[in-house]
Amino acid sequence: RPNYAGGVFEVLSAFRNAKGQTSLNRIQSYLNKMDFIYPYHQAIGFY
């Protein structure tokens, strides 16, 4: 929901500001549990 985050450019900025603070395994685990219909893993990978 980038419209709740100031738009896609703000989302990209947030990803950049998260550098060194994230766990890729945790992101993958959350995506598996959230089980989206849409392929949001592609957008996450892009960011």
All heavy atoms as atom14 arrays in JSON, in Angstrom:
{
  "sequence": "RPNYAGGVFEVLSAFRNAKGQTSLNRIQSYLNKMDFIYPYHQAIGFY",
  "atom14_mask": [
    [1, 1, 1, 1, 1, 1, 1, 1, 1, 1, 1, 0, 0, 0],
    [1, 1, 1, 1, 1, 1, 1, 0, 0, 0, 0, 0, 0, 0],
    [1, 1, 1, 1, 1, 1, 1, 1, 0, 0, 0, 0, 0, 0],
    [1, 1, 1, 1, 1, 1, 1, 1, 1, 1, 1, 1, 0, 0],
    [1, 1, 1, 1, 1, 0, 0, 0, 0, 0, 0, 0, 0, 0],
    [1, 1, 1, 1, 0, 0, 0, 0, 0, 0, 0, 0, 0, 0],
    [1, 1, 1, 1, 0, 0, 0, 0, 0, 0, 0, 0, 0, 0],
    [1, 1, 1, 1, 1, 1, 1, 0, 0, 0, 0, 0, 0, 0],
    [1, 1, 1, 1, 1, 1, 1, 1, 1, 1, 1, 0, 0, 0],
    [1, 1, 1, 1, 1, 1, 1, 1, 1, 0, 0, 0, 0, 0],
    [1, 1, 1, 1, 1, 1, 1, 0, 0, 0, 0, 0, 0, 0],
    [1, 1, 1, 1, 1, 1, 1, 1, 0, 0, 0, 0, 0, 0],
    [1, 1, 1, 1, 1, 1, 0, 0, 0, 0, 0, 0, 0, 0],
    [1, 1, 1, 1, 1, 0, 0, 0, 0, 0, 0, 0, 0, 0],
    [1, 1, 1, 1, 1, 1, 1, 1, 1, 1, 1, 0, 0, 0],
    [1, 1, 1, 1, 1, 1, 1, 1, 1, 1, 1, 0, 0, 0],
    [1, 1, 1, 1, 1, 1, 1, 1, 0, 0, 0, 0, 0, 0],
    [1, 1, 1, 1, 1, 0, 0, 0, 0, 0, 0, 0, 0, 0],
    [1, 1, 1, 1, 1, 1, 1, 1, 1, 0, 0, 0, 0, 0],
    [1, 1, 1, 1, 0, 0, 0, 0, 0, 0, 0, 0, 0, 0],
    [1, 1, 1, 1, 1, 1, 1, 1, 1, 0, 0, 0, 0, 0],
    [1, 1, 1, 1, 1, 1, 1, 0, 0, 0, 0, 0, 0, 0],
    [1, 1, 1, 1, 1, 1, 0, 0, 0, 0, 0, 0, 0, 0],
    [1, 1, 1, 1, 1, 1, 1, 1, 0, 0, 0, 0, 0, 0],
    [1, 1, 1, 1, 1, 1, 1, 1, 0, 0, 0, 0, 0, 0],
    [1, 1, 1, 1, 1, 1, 1, 1, 1, 1, 1, 0, 0, 0],
    [1, 1, 1, 1, 1, 1, 1, 1, 0, 0, 0, 0, 0, 0],
    [1, 1, 1, 1, 1, 1, 1, 1, 1, 0, 0, 0, 0, 0],
    [1, 1, 1, 1, 1, 1, 0, 0, 0, 0, 0, 0, 0, 0],
    [1, 1, 1, 1, 1, 1, 1, 1, 1, 1, 1, 1, 0, 0],
    [1, 1, 1, 1, 1, 1, 1, 1, 0, 0, 0, 0, 0, 0],
    [1, 1, 1, 1, 1, 1, 1, 1, 0, 0, 0, 0, 0, 0],
    [1, 1, 1, 1, 1, 1, 1, 1, 1, 0, 0, 0, 0, 0],
    [1, 1, 1, 1, 1, 1, 1, 1, 0, 0, 0, 0, 0, 0],
    [1, 1, 1, 1, 1, 1, 1, 1, 0, 0, 0, 0, 0, 0],
    [1, 1, 1, 1, 1, 1, 1, 1, 1, 1, 1, 0, 0, 0],
    [1, 1, 1, 1, 1, 1, 1, 1, 0, 0, 0, 0, 0, 0],
    [1, 1, 1, 1, 1, 1, 1, 1, 1, 1, 1, 1, 0, 0],
    [1, 1, 1, 1, 1, 1, 1, 0, 0, 0, 0, 0, 0, 0],
    [1, 1, 1, 1, 1, 1, 1, 1, 1, 1, 1, 1, 0, 0],
    [1, 1, 1, 1, 1, 1, 1, 1, 1, 1, 0, 0, 0, 0],
    [1, 1, 1, 1, 1, 1, 1, 1, 1, 0, 0, 0, 0, 0],
    [1, 1, 1, 1, 1, 0, 0, 0, 0, 0, 0, 0, 0, 0],
    [1, 1, 1, 1, 1, 1, 1, 1, 0, 0, 0, 0, 0, 0],
    [1, 1, 1, 1, 0, 0, 0, 0, 0, 0, 0, 0, 0, 0],
    [1, 1, 1, 1, 1, 1, 1, 1, 1, 1, 1, 0, 0, 0],
    [1, 1, 1, 1, 1, 1, 1, 1, 1, 1, 1, 1, 0, 0]
  ],
  "atom14_positions": [
    [[0.84, -1.2, 0.0], [0.0, 0.0, 0.0], [0.88, 1.26, 0.0], [0.97, 1.95, 1.0], [-0.92, 0.01, 1.23], [-2.02, -1.03, 1.2], [-3.15, -0.61, 0.26], [-4.22, -1.59, 0.27], [-4.32, -2.61, -0.59], [-3.36, -2.76, -1.52], [-5.32, -3.45, -0.53], [0.0, 0.0, 0.0], [0.0, 0.0, 0.0], [0.0, 0.0, 0.0]],
    [[1.53, 1.56, -1.13], [2.38, 2.76, -1.17], [1.61, 4.06, -0.96], [2.2, 5.06, -0.55], [3.01, 2.7, -2.56], [2.12, 1.81, -3.37], [1.56, 0.82, -2.4], [0.0, 0.0, 0.0], [0.0, 0.0, 0.0], [0.0, 0.0, 0.0], [0.0, 0.0, 0.0], [0.0, 0.0, 0.0], [0.0, 0.0, 0.0], [0.0, 0.0, 0.0]],
    [[0.3, 4.05, -1.21], [-0.49, 5.26, -0.99], [-0.63, 5.58, 0.5], [-1.0, 6.7, 0.87], [-1.88, 5.13, -1.62], [-2.62, 3.87, -1.22], [-2.06, 2.78, -1.23], [-3.9, 4.0, -0.85], [0.0, 0.0, 0.0], [0.0, 0.0, 0.0], [0.0, 0.0, 0.0], [0.0, 0.0, 0.0], [0.0, 0.0, 0.0], [0.0, 0.0, 0.0]],
    [[-0.32, 4.63, 1.37], [-0.29, 4.9, 2.81], [1.13, 5.2, 3.28], [1.4, 5.22, 4.49], [-0.81, 3.69, 3.6], [-2.27, 3.37, 3.39], [-2.74, 2.06, 3.57], [-3.2, 4.34, 3.0], [-4.07, 1.75, 3.39], [-4.53, 4.03, 2.81], [-4.96, 2.74, 3.0], [-6.29, 2.42, 2.82], [0.0, 0.0, 0.0], [0.0, 0.0, 0.0]],
    [[2.03, 5.4, 2.34], [3.44, 5.62, 2.69], [4.05, 6.81, 1.97], [5.26, 6.97, 1.95], [4.25, 4.36, 2.39], [0.0, 0.0, 0.0], [0.0, 0.0, 0.0], [0.0, 0.0, 0.0], [0.0, 0.0, 0.0], [0.0, 0.0, 0.0], [0.0, 0.0, 0.0], [0.0, 0.0, 0.0], [0.0, 0.0, 0.0], [0.0, 0.0, 0.0]],
    [[3.2, 7.64, 1.36], [3.71, 8.81, 0.65], [4.04, 8.57, -0.8], [4.57, 9.45, -1.48], [0.0, 0.0, 0.0], [0.0, 0.0, 0.0], [0.0, 0.0, 0.0], [0.0, 0.0, 0.0], [0.0, 0.0, 0.0], [0.0, 0.0, 0.0], [0.0, 0.0, 0.0], [0.0, 0.0, 0.0], [0.0, 0.0, 0.0], [0.0, 0.0, 0.0]],
    [[3.75, 7.36, -1.31], [4.01, 7.07, -2.72], [5.24, 6.2, -2.91], [6.02, 5.95, -1.99], [0.0, 0.0, 0.0], [0.0, 0.0, 0.0], [0.0, 0.0, 0.0], [0.0, 0.0, 0.0], [0.0, 0.0, 0.0], [0.0, 0.0, 0.0], [0.0, 0.0, 0.0], [0.0, 0.0, 0.0], [0.0, 0.0, 0.0], [0.0, 0.0, 0.0]],
    [[5.42, 5.73, -4.13], [6.46, 4.74, -4.41], [7.88, 5.3, -4.22], [8.79, 4.55, -3.88], [6.3, 4.15, -5.83], [5.0, 3.37, -5.94], [6.38, 5.23, -6.9], [0.0, 0.0, 0.0], [0.0, 0.0, 0.0], [0.0, 0.0, 0.0], [0.0, 0.0, 0.0], [0.0, 0.0, 0.0], [0.0, 0.0, 0.0], [0.0, 0.0, 0.0]],
    [[8.07, 6.59, -4.43], [9.41, 7.16, -4.23], [9.76, 7.19, -2.74], [10.91, 6.97, -2.35], [9.5, 8.55, -4.85], [9.57, 8.53, -6.36], [8.41, 8.57, -7.12], [10.79, 8.46, -7.02], [8.46, 8.54, -8.5], [10.87, 8.43, -8.4], [9.69, 8.46, -9.15], [0.0, 0.0, 0.0], [0.0, 0.0, 0.0], [0.0, 0.0, 0.0]],
    [[8.76, 7.47, -1.9], [8.98, 7.42, -0.46], [9.25, 5.98, 0.0], [10.02, 5.76, 0.92], [7.77, 7.99, 0.28], [7.77, 9.49, 0.45], [8.85, 9.97, 1.4], [8.8, 9.63, 2.59], [9.76, 10.69, 0.95], [0.0, 0.0, 0.0], [0.0, 0.0, 0.0], [0.0, 0.0, 0.0], [0.0, 0.0, 0.0], [0.0, 0.0, 0.0]],
    [[8.58, 5.04, -0.64], [8.82, 3.63, -0.32], [10.27, 3.26, -0.62], [10.96, 2.64, 0.2], [7.85, 2.71, -1.09], [8.23, 1.24, -0.88], [6.42, 2.95, -0.64], [0.0, 0.0, 0.0], [0.0, 0.0, 0.0], [0.0, 0.0, 0.0], [0.0, 0.0, 0.0], [0.0, 0.0, 0.0], [0.0, 0.0, 0.0], [0.0, 0.0, 0.0]],
    [[10.75, 3.64, -1.79], [12.15, 3.36, -2.16], [13.1, 4.02, -1.16], [14.09, 3.4, -0.74], [12.44, 3.86, -3.57], [13.88, 3.68, -4.06], [14.31, 2.22, -4.01], [14.04, 4.24, -5.47], [0.0, 0.0, 0.0], [0.0, 0.0, 0.0], [0.0, 0.0, 0.0], [0.0, 0.0, 0.0], [0.0, 0.0, 0.0], [0.0, 0.0, 0.0]],
    [[12.8, 5.25, -0.76], [13.63, 5.94, 0.23], [13.65, 5.19, 1.56], [14.7, 5.07, 2.21], [13.11, 7.36, 0.44], [13.87, 8.05, 1.42], [0.0, 0.0, 0.0], [0.0, 0.0, 0.0], [0.0, 0.0, 0.0], [0.0, 0.0, 0.0], [0.0, 0.0, 0.0], [0.0, 0.0, 0.0], [0.0, 0.0, 0.0], [0.0, 0.0, 0.0]],
    [[12.49, 4.65, 1.95], [12.42, 3.89, 3.2], [13.29, 2.64, 3.12], [13.99, 2.29, 4.07], [10.98, 3.51, 3.51], [0.0, 0.0, 0.0], [0.0, 0.0, 0.0], [0.0, 0.0, 0.0], [0.0, 0.0, 0.0], [0.0, 0.0, 0.0], [0.0, 0.0, 0.0], [0.0, 0.0, 0.0], [0.0, 0.0, 0.0], [0.0, 0.0, 0.0]],
    [[13.27, 1.95, 1.98], [14.13, 0.78, 1.8], [15.6, 1.17, 1.92], [16.39, 0.45, 2.56], [13.87, 0.12, 0.44], [12.77, -0.91, 0.46], [11.45, -0.53, 0.42], [13.07, -2.26, 0.5], [10.42, -1.48, 0.44], [12.07, -3.22, 0.51], [10.74, -2.83, 0.48], [0.0, 0.0, 0.0], [0.0, 0.0, 0.0], [0.0, 0.0, 0.0]],
    [[15.97, 2.29, 1.32], [17.37, 2.73, 1.41], [17.75, 3.05, 2.84], [18.86, 2.74, 3.3], [17.57, 3.96, 0.5], [17.61, 3.61, -0.98], [17.63, 4.84, -1.86], [17.84, 4.46, -3.27], [17.47, 5.21, -4.3], [16.85, 6.38, -4.1], [17.71, 4.8, -5.53], [0.0, 0.0, 0.0], [0.0, 0.0, 0.0], [0.0, 0.0, 0.0]],
    [[16.83, 3.68, 3.58], [17.11, 4.03, 4.97], [17.14, 2.81, 5.89], [17.63, 2.89, 7.02], [16.07, 5.03, 5.48], [16.21, 6.39, 4.83], [17.3, 6.78, 4.41], [15.12, 7.13, 4.73], [0.0, 0.0, 0.0], [0.0, 0.0, 0.0], [0.0, 0.0, 0.0], [0.0, 0.0, 0.0], [0.0, 0.0, 0.0], [0.0, 0.0, 0.0]],
    [[16.6, 1.68, 5.4], [16.59, 0.45, 6.2], [17.86, -0.37, 6.03], [17.98, -1.44, 6.63], [15.37, -0.39, 5.83], [0.0, 0.0, 0.0], [0.0, 0.0, 0.0], [0.0, 0.0, 0.0], [0.0, 0.0, 0.0], [0.0, 0.0, 0.0], [0.0, 0.0, 0.0], [0.0, 0.0, 0.0], [0.0, 0.0, 0.0], [0.0, 0.0, 0.0]],
    [[18.78, 0.11, 5.24], [20.0, -0.65, 4.96], [20.73, -1.0, 6.26], [20.94, -0.15, 7.12], [20.92, 0.14, 4.03], [22.08, -0.69, 3.47], [22.8, 0.05, 2.36], [23.85, -0.85, 1.71], [24.52, -0.18, 0.57], [0.0, 0.0, 0.0], [0.0, 0.0, 0.0], [0.0, 0.0, 0.0], [0.0, 0.0, 0.0], [0.0, 0.0, 0.0]],
    [[21.11, -2.26, 6.39], [21.81, -2.71, 7.58], [20.91, -3.03, 8.76], [21.4, -3.41, 9.83], [0.0, 0.0, 0.0], [0.0, 0.0, 0.0], [0.0, 0.0, 0.0], [0.0, 0.0, 0.0], [0.0, 0.0, 0.0], [0.0, 0.0, 0.0], [0.0, 0.0, 0.0], [0.0, 0.0, 0.0], [0.0, 0.0, 0.0], [0.0, 0.0, 0.0]],
    [[19.6, -2.88, 8.57], [18.67, -3.1, 9.69], [17.65, -4.21, 9.42], [16.74, -4.43, 10.21], [17.89, -1.81, 9.99], [18.75, -0.6, 10.3], [17.89, 0.62, 10.57], [17.16, 0.67, 11.56], [17.95, 1.61, 9.7], [0.0, 0.0, 0.0], [0.0, 0.0, 0.0], [0.0, 0.0, 0.0], [0.0, 0.0, 0.0], [0.0, 0.0, 0.0]],
    [[17.78, -4.88, 8.28], [16.76, -5.85, 7.89], [17.32, -7.27, 7.83], [18.52, -7.49, 7.67], [16.19, -5.5, 6.5], [17.25, -5.54, 5.53], [15.55, -4.13, 6.49], [0.0, 0.0, 0.0], [0.0, 0.0, 0.0], [0.0, 0.0, 0.0], [0.0, 0.0, 0.0], [0.0, 0.0, 0.0], [0.0, 0.0, 0.0], [0.0, 0.0, 0.0]],
    [[16.4, -8.21, 7.93], [16.73, -9.63, 7.76], [15.98, -10.15, 6.53], [14.74, -10.14, 6.51], [16.31, -10.42, 9.0], [16.26, -11.8, 8.72], [0.0, 0.0, 0.0], [0.0, 0.0, 0.0], [0.0, 0.0, 0.0], [0.0, 0.0, 0.0], [0.0, 0.0, 0.0], [0.0, 0.0, 0.0], [0.0, 0.0, 0.0], [0.0, 0.0, 0.0]],
    [[16.73, -10.58, 5.53], [16.11, -11.1, 4.32], [15.34, -12.39, 4.62], [14.26, -12.62, 4.07], [17.17, -11.36, 3.26], [16.66, -11.81, 1.88], [15.68, -10.8, 1.29], [17.83, -12.02, 0.92], [0.0, 0.0, 0.0], [0.0, 0.0, 0.0], [0.0, 0.0, 0.0], [0.0, 0.0, 0.0], [0.0, 0.0, 0.0], [0.0, 0.0, 0.0]],
    [[15.86, -13.19, 5.53], [15.15, -14.42, 5.9], [13.81, -14.1, 6.56], [12.82, -14.8, 6.33], [16.01, -15.26, 6.86], [17.16, -15.96, 6.15], [17.06, -16.29, 4.98], [18.26, -16.17, 6.86], [0.0, 0.0, 0.0], [0.0, 0.0, 0.0], [0.0, 0.0, 0.0], [0.0, 0.0, 0.0], [0.0, 0.0, 0.0], [0.0, 0.0, 0.0]],
    [[13.79, -13.05, 7.37], [12.54, -12.67, 8.02], [11.54, -12.14, 6.99], [10.35, -12.44, 7.06], [12.79, -11.63, 9.11], [11.55, -11.34, 9.96], [11.85, -10.4, 11.12], [12.73, -11.05, 12.07], [13.91, -10.58, 12.47], [14.35, -9.43, 11.98], [14.63, -11.23, 13.33], [0.0, 0.0, 0.0], [0.0, 0.0, 0.0], [0.0, 0.0, 0.0]],
    [[12.02, -11.35, 6.04], [11.14, -10.86, 4.98], [10.53, -12.03, 4.22], [9.33, -12.08, 3.96], [11.91, -9.94, 4.02], [12.26, -8.62, 4.71], [11.09, -9.67, 2.75], [13.16, -7.69, 3.9], [0.0, 0.0, 0.0], [0.0, 0.0, 0.0], [0.0, 0.0, 0.0], [0.0, 0.0, 0.0], [0.0, 0.0, 0.0], [0.0, 0.0, 0.0]],
    [[11.37, -13.0, 3.86], [10.89, -14.18, 3.15], [9.88, -14.96, 3.99], [8.83, -15.41, 3.49], [12.08, -15.09, 2.79], [11.7, -16.43, 2.16], [11.21, -16.27, 0.72], [11.15, -15.18, 0.19], [10.83, -17.4, 0.12], [0.0, 0.0, 0.0], [0.0, 0.0, 0.0], [0.0, 0.0, 0.0], [0.0, 0.0, 0.0], [0.0, 0.0, 0.0]],
    [[10.17, -15.1, 5.27], [9.26, -15.82, 6.17], [7.91, -15.11, 6.26], [6.85, -15.75, 6.21], [9.89, -15.94, 7.55], [8.97, -16.48, 8.49], [0.0, 0.0, 0.0], [0.0, 0.0, 0.0], [0.0, 0.0, 0.0], [0.0, 0.0, 0.0], [0.0, 0.0, 0.0], [0.0, 0.0, 0.0], [0.0, 0.0, 0.0], [0.0, 0.0, 0.0]],
    [[7.94, -13.78, 6.4], [6.7, -13.01, 6.48], [5.89, -13.15, 5.19], [4.67, -13.32, 5.22], [7.0, -11.54, 6.74], [7.44, -11.21, 8.14], [7.57, -12.19, 9.12], [7.74, -9.89, 8.51], [7.99, -11.87, 10.41], [8.14, -9.57, 9.8], [8.28, -10.56, 10.74], [8.68, -10.24, 12.01], [0.0, 0.0, 0.0], [0.0, 0.0, 0.0]],
    [[6.57, -13.06, 4.05], [5.86, -13.18, 2.77], [5.18, -14.55, 2.65], [4.04, -14.65, 2.17], [6.83, -12.98, 1.61], [7.28, -11.54, 1.34], [8.41, -11.51, 0.32], [6.11, -10.68, 0.86], [0.0, 0.0, 0.0], [0.0, 0.0, 0.0], [0.0, 0.0, 0.0], [0.0, 0.0, 0.0], [0.0, 0.0, 0.0], [0.0, 0.0, 0.0]],
    [[5.86, -15.6, 3.1], [5.27, -16.94, 3.04], [4.02, -17.02, 3.92], [3.01, -17.6, 3.53], [6.29, -17.99, 3.48], [7.38, -18.2, 2.45], [7.2, -17.92, 1.26], [8.53, -18.7, 2.89], [0.0, 0.0, 0.0], [0.0, 0.0, 0.0], [0.0, 0.0, 0.0], [0.0, 0.0, 0.0], [0.0, 0.0, 0.0], [0.0, 0.0, 0.0]],
    [[4.11, -16.43, 5.11], [2.99, -16.5, 6.04], [1.83, -15.6, 5.61], [0.66, -15.93, 5.84], [3.46, -16.12, 7.45], [4.38, -17.15, 8.07], [4.92, -16.68, 9.42], [5.87, -17.71, 10.01], [6.49, -17.25, 11.29], [0.0, 0.0, 0.0], [0.0, 0.0, 0.0], [0.0, 0.0, 0.0], [0.0, 0.0, 0.0], [0.0, 0.0, 0.0]],
    [[2.15, -14.46, 5.0], [1.09, -13.54, 4.58], [0.37, -14.04, 3.34], [-0.78, -13.66, 3.08], [1.69, -12.14, 4.37], [2.23, -11.53, 5.66], [3.18, -9.99, 5.46], [1.86, -8.79, 5.6], [0.0, 0.0, 0.0], [0.0, 0.0, 0.0], [0.0, 0.0, 0.0], [0.0, 0.0, 0.0], [0.0, 0.0, 0.0], [0.0, 0.0, 0.0]],
    [[1.05, -14.85, 2.55], [0.41, -15.62, 1.48], [-0.46, -14.75, 0.56], [-1.66, -14.99, 0.4], [-0.43, -16.74, 2.1], [-0.85, -17.79, 1.08], [-0.17, -17.92, 0.05], [-1.87, -18.47, 1.32], [0.0, 0.0, 0.0], [0.0, 0.0, 0.0], [0.0, 0.0, 0.0], [0.0, 0.0, 0.0], [0.0, 0.0, 0.0], [0.0, 0.0, 0.0]],
    [[0.16, -13.75, -0.06], [-0.57, -12.84, -0.94], [-1.0, -13.53, -2.24], [-0.31, -14.41, -2.74], [0.3, -11.63, -1.3], [0.62, -10.72, -0.13], [1.9, -10.63, 0.36], [-0.37, -9.95, 0.45], [2.21, -9.79, 1.43], [-0.09, -9.12, 1.52], [1.2, -9.04, 2.01], [0.0, 0.0, 0.0], [0.0, 0.0, 0.0], [0.0, 0.0, 0.0]],
    [[-2.12, -13.08, -2.77], [-2.53, -13.52, -4.1], [-1.64, -12.87, -5.16], [-1.16, -13.52, -6.08], [-4.01, -13.16, -4.36], [-4.91, -13.87, -3.36], [-4.41, -13.51, -5.8], [-4.94, -15.37, -3.5], [0.0, 0.0, 0.0], [0.0, 0.0, 0.0], [0.0, 0.0, 0.0], [0.0, 0.0, 0.0], [0.0, 0.0, 0.0], [0.0, 0.0, 0.0]],
    [[-1.41, -11.57, -5.01], [-0.54, -10.85, -5.95], [0.93, -11.16, -5.66], [1.3, -11.41, -4.51], [-0.76, -9.34, -5.83], [-2.04, -8.82, -6.46], [-2.41, -7.49, -6.28], [-2.85, -9.63, -7.24], [-3.58, -6.99, -6.86], [-4.01, -9.14, -7.82], [-4.37, -7.83, -7.63], [-5.52, -7.35, -8.21], [0.0, 0.0, 0.0], [0.0, 0.0, 0.0]],
    [[1.78, -11.12, -6.67], [3.2, -11.46, -6.49], [4.02, -10.29, -5.92], [4.92, -9.75, -6.58], [3.64, -11.82, -7.91], [2.78, -10.97, -8.8], [1.45, -10.9, -8.11], [0.0, 0.0, 0.0], [0.0, 0.0, 0.0], [0.0, 0.0, 0.0], [0.0, 0.0, 0.0], [0.0, 0.0, 0.0], [0.0, 0.0, 0.0], [0.0, 0.0, 0.0]],
    [[3.69, -9.93, -4.68], [4.41, -8.8, -4.07], [5.88, -9.11, -3.83], [6.67, -8.18, -3.62], [3.72, -8.39, -2.77], [2.43, -7.64, -2.99], [1.2, -8.21, -2.67], [2.44, -6.36, -3.55], [0.01, -7.52, -2.89], [1.26, -5.66, -3.76], [0.05, -6.25, -3.44], [-1.13, -5.57, -3.66], [0.0, 0.0, 0.0], [0.0, 0.0, 0.0]],
    [[6.27, -10.38, -3.84], [7.68, -10.71, -3.68], [8.51, -10.11, -4.82], [9.69, -9.79, -4.63], [7.88, -12.22, -3.61], [7.49, -12.95, -4.85], [6.18, -13.13, -5.24], [8.26, -13.56, -5.81], [6.15, -13.81, -6.37], [7.4, -14.1, -6.74], [0.0, 0.0, 0.0], [0.0, 0.0, 0.0], [0.0, 0.0, 0.0], [0.0, 0.0, 0.0]],
    [[7.89, -9.92, -5.98], [8.61, -9.3, -7.1], [8.89, -7.83, -6.8], [10.0, -7.33, -7.05], [7.8, -9.44, -8.39], [7.66, -10.88, -8.88], [6.75, -11.02, -10.08], [5.93, -11.93, -10.14], [6.85, -10.11, -11.05], [0.0, 0.0, 0.0], [0.0, 0.0, 0.0], [0.0, 0.0, 0.0], [0.0, 0.0, 0.0], [0.0, 0.0, 0.0]],
    [[7.88, -7.13, -6.26], [8.07, -5.72, -5.92], [9.06, -5.57, -4.77], [9.91, -4.66, -4.78], [6.73, -5.08, -5.55], [0.0, 0.0, 0.0], [0.0, 0.0, 0.0], [0.0, 0.0, 0.0], [0.0, 0.0, 0.0], [0.0, 0.0, 0.0], [0.0, 0.0, 0.0], [0.0, 0.0, 0.0], [0.0, 0.0, 0.0], [0.0, 0.0, 0.0]],
    [[8.99, -6.47, -3.78], [9.94, -6.43, -2.66], [11.36, -6.65, -3.19], [12.31, -5.93, -2.81], [9.59, -7.52, -1.62], [8.27, -7.2, -0.92], [10.72, -7.69, -0.62], [8.34, -6.12, 0.1], [0.0, 0.0, 0.0], [0.0, 0.0, 0.0], [0.0, 0.0, 0.0], [0.0, 0.0, 0.0], [0.0, 0.0, 0.0], [0.0, 0.0, 0.0]],
    [[11.52, -7.64, -4.06], [12.84, -7.9, -4.65], [13.36, -6.71, -5.42], [14.55, -6.36, -5.33], [0.0, 0.0, 0.0], [0.0, 0.0, 0.0], [0.0, 0.0, 0.0], [0.0, 0.0, 0.0], [0.0, 0.0, 0.0], [0.0, 0.0, 0.0], [0.0, 0.0, 0.0], [0.0, 0.0, 0.0], [0.0, 0.0, 0.0], [0.0, 0.0, 0.0]],
    [[12.47, -6.05, -6.17], [12.86, -4.86, -6.92], [13.38, -3.77, -5.98], [14.45, -3.18, -6.21], [11.68, -4.34, -7.73], [11.86, -2.96, -8.28], [12.61, -2.74, -9.42], [11.31, -1.86, -7.63], [12.81, -1.46, -9.92], [11.49, -0.57, -8.12], [12.24, -0.37, -9.27], [0.0, 0.0, 0.0], [0.0, 0.0, 0.0], [0.0, 0.0, 0.0]],
    [[12.62, -3.48, -4.93], [13.02, -2.42, -4.0], [14.32, -2.76, -3.29], [15.2, -1.9, -3.13], [11.93, -2.18, -2.95], [10.78, -1.31, -3.41], [9.47, -1.79, -3.39], [10.99, 0.0, -3.83], [8.4, -1.0, -3.79], [9.93, 0.81, -4.22], [8.64, 0.31, -4.2], [7.59, 1.1, -4.59], [0.0, 0.0, 0.0], [0.0, 0.0, 0.0]]
  ]
}
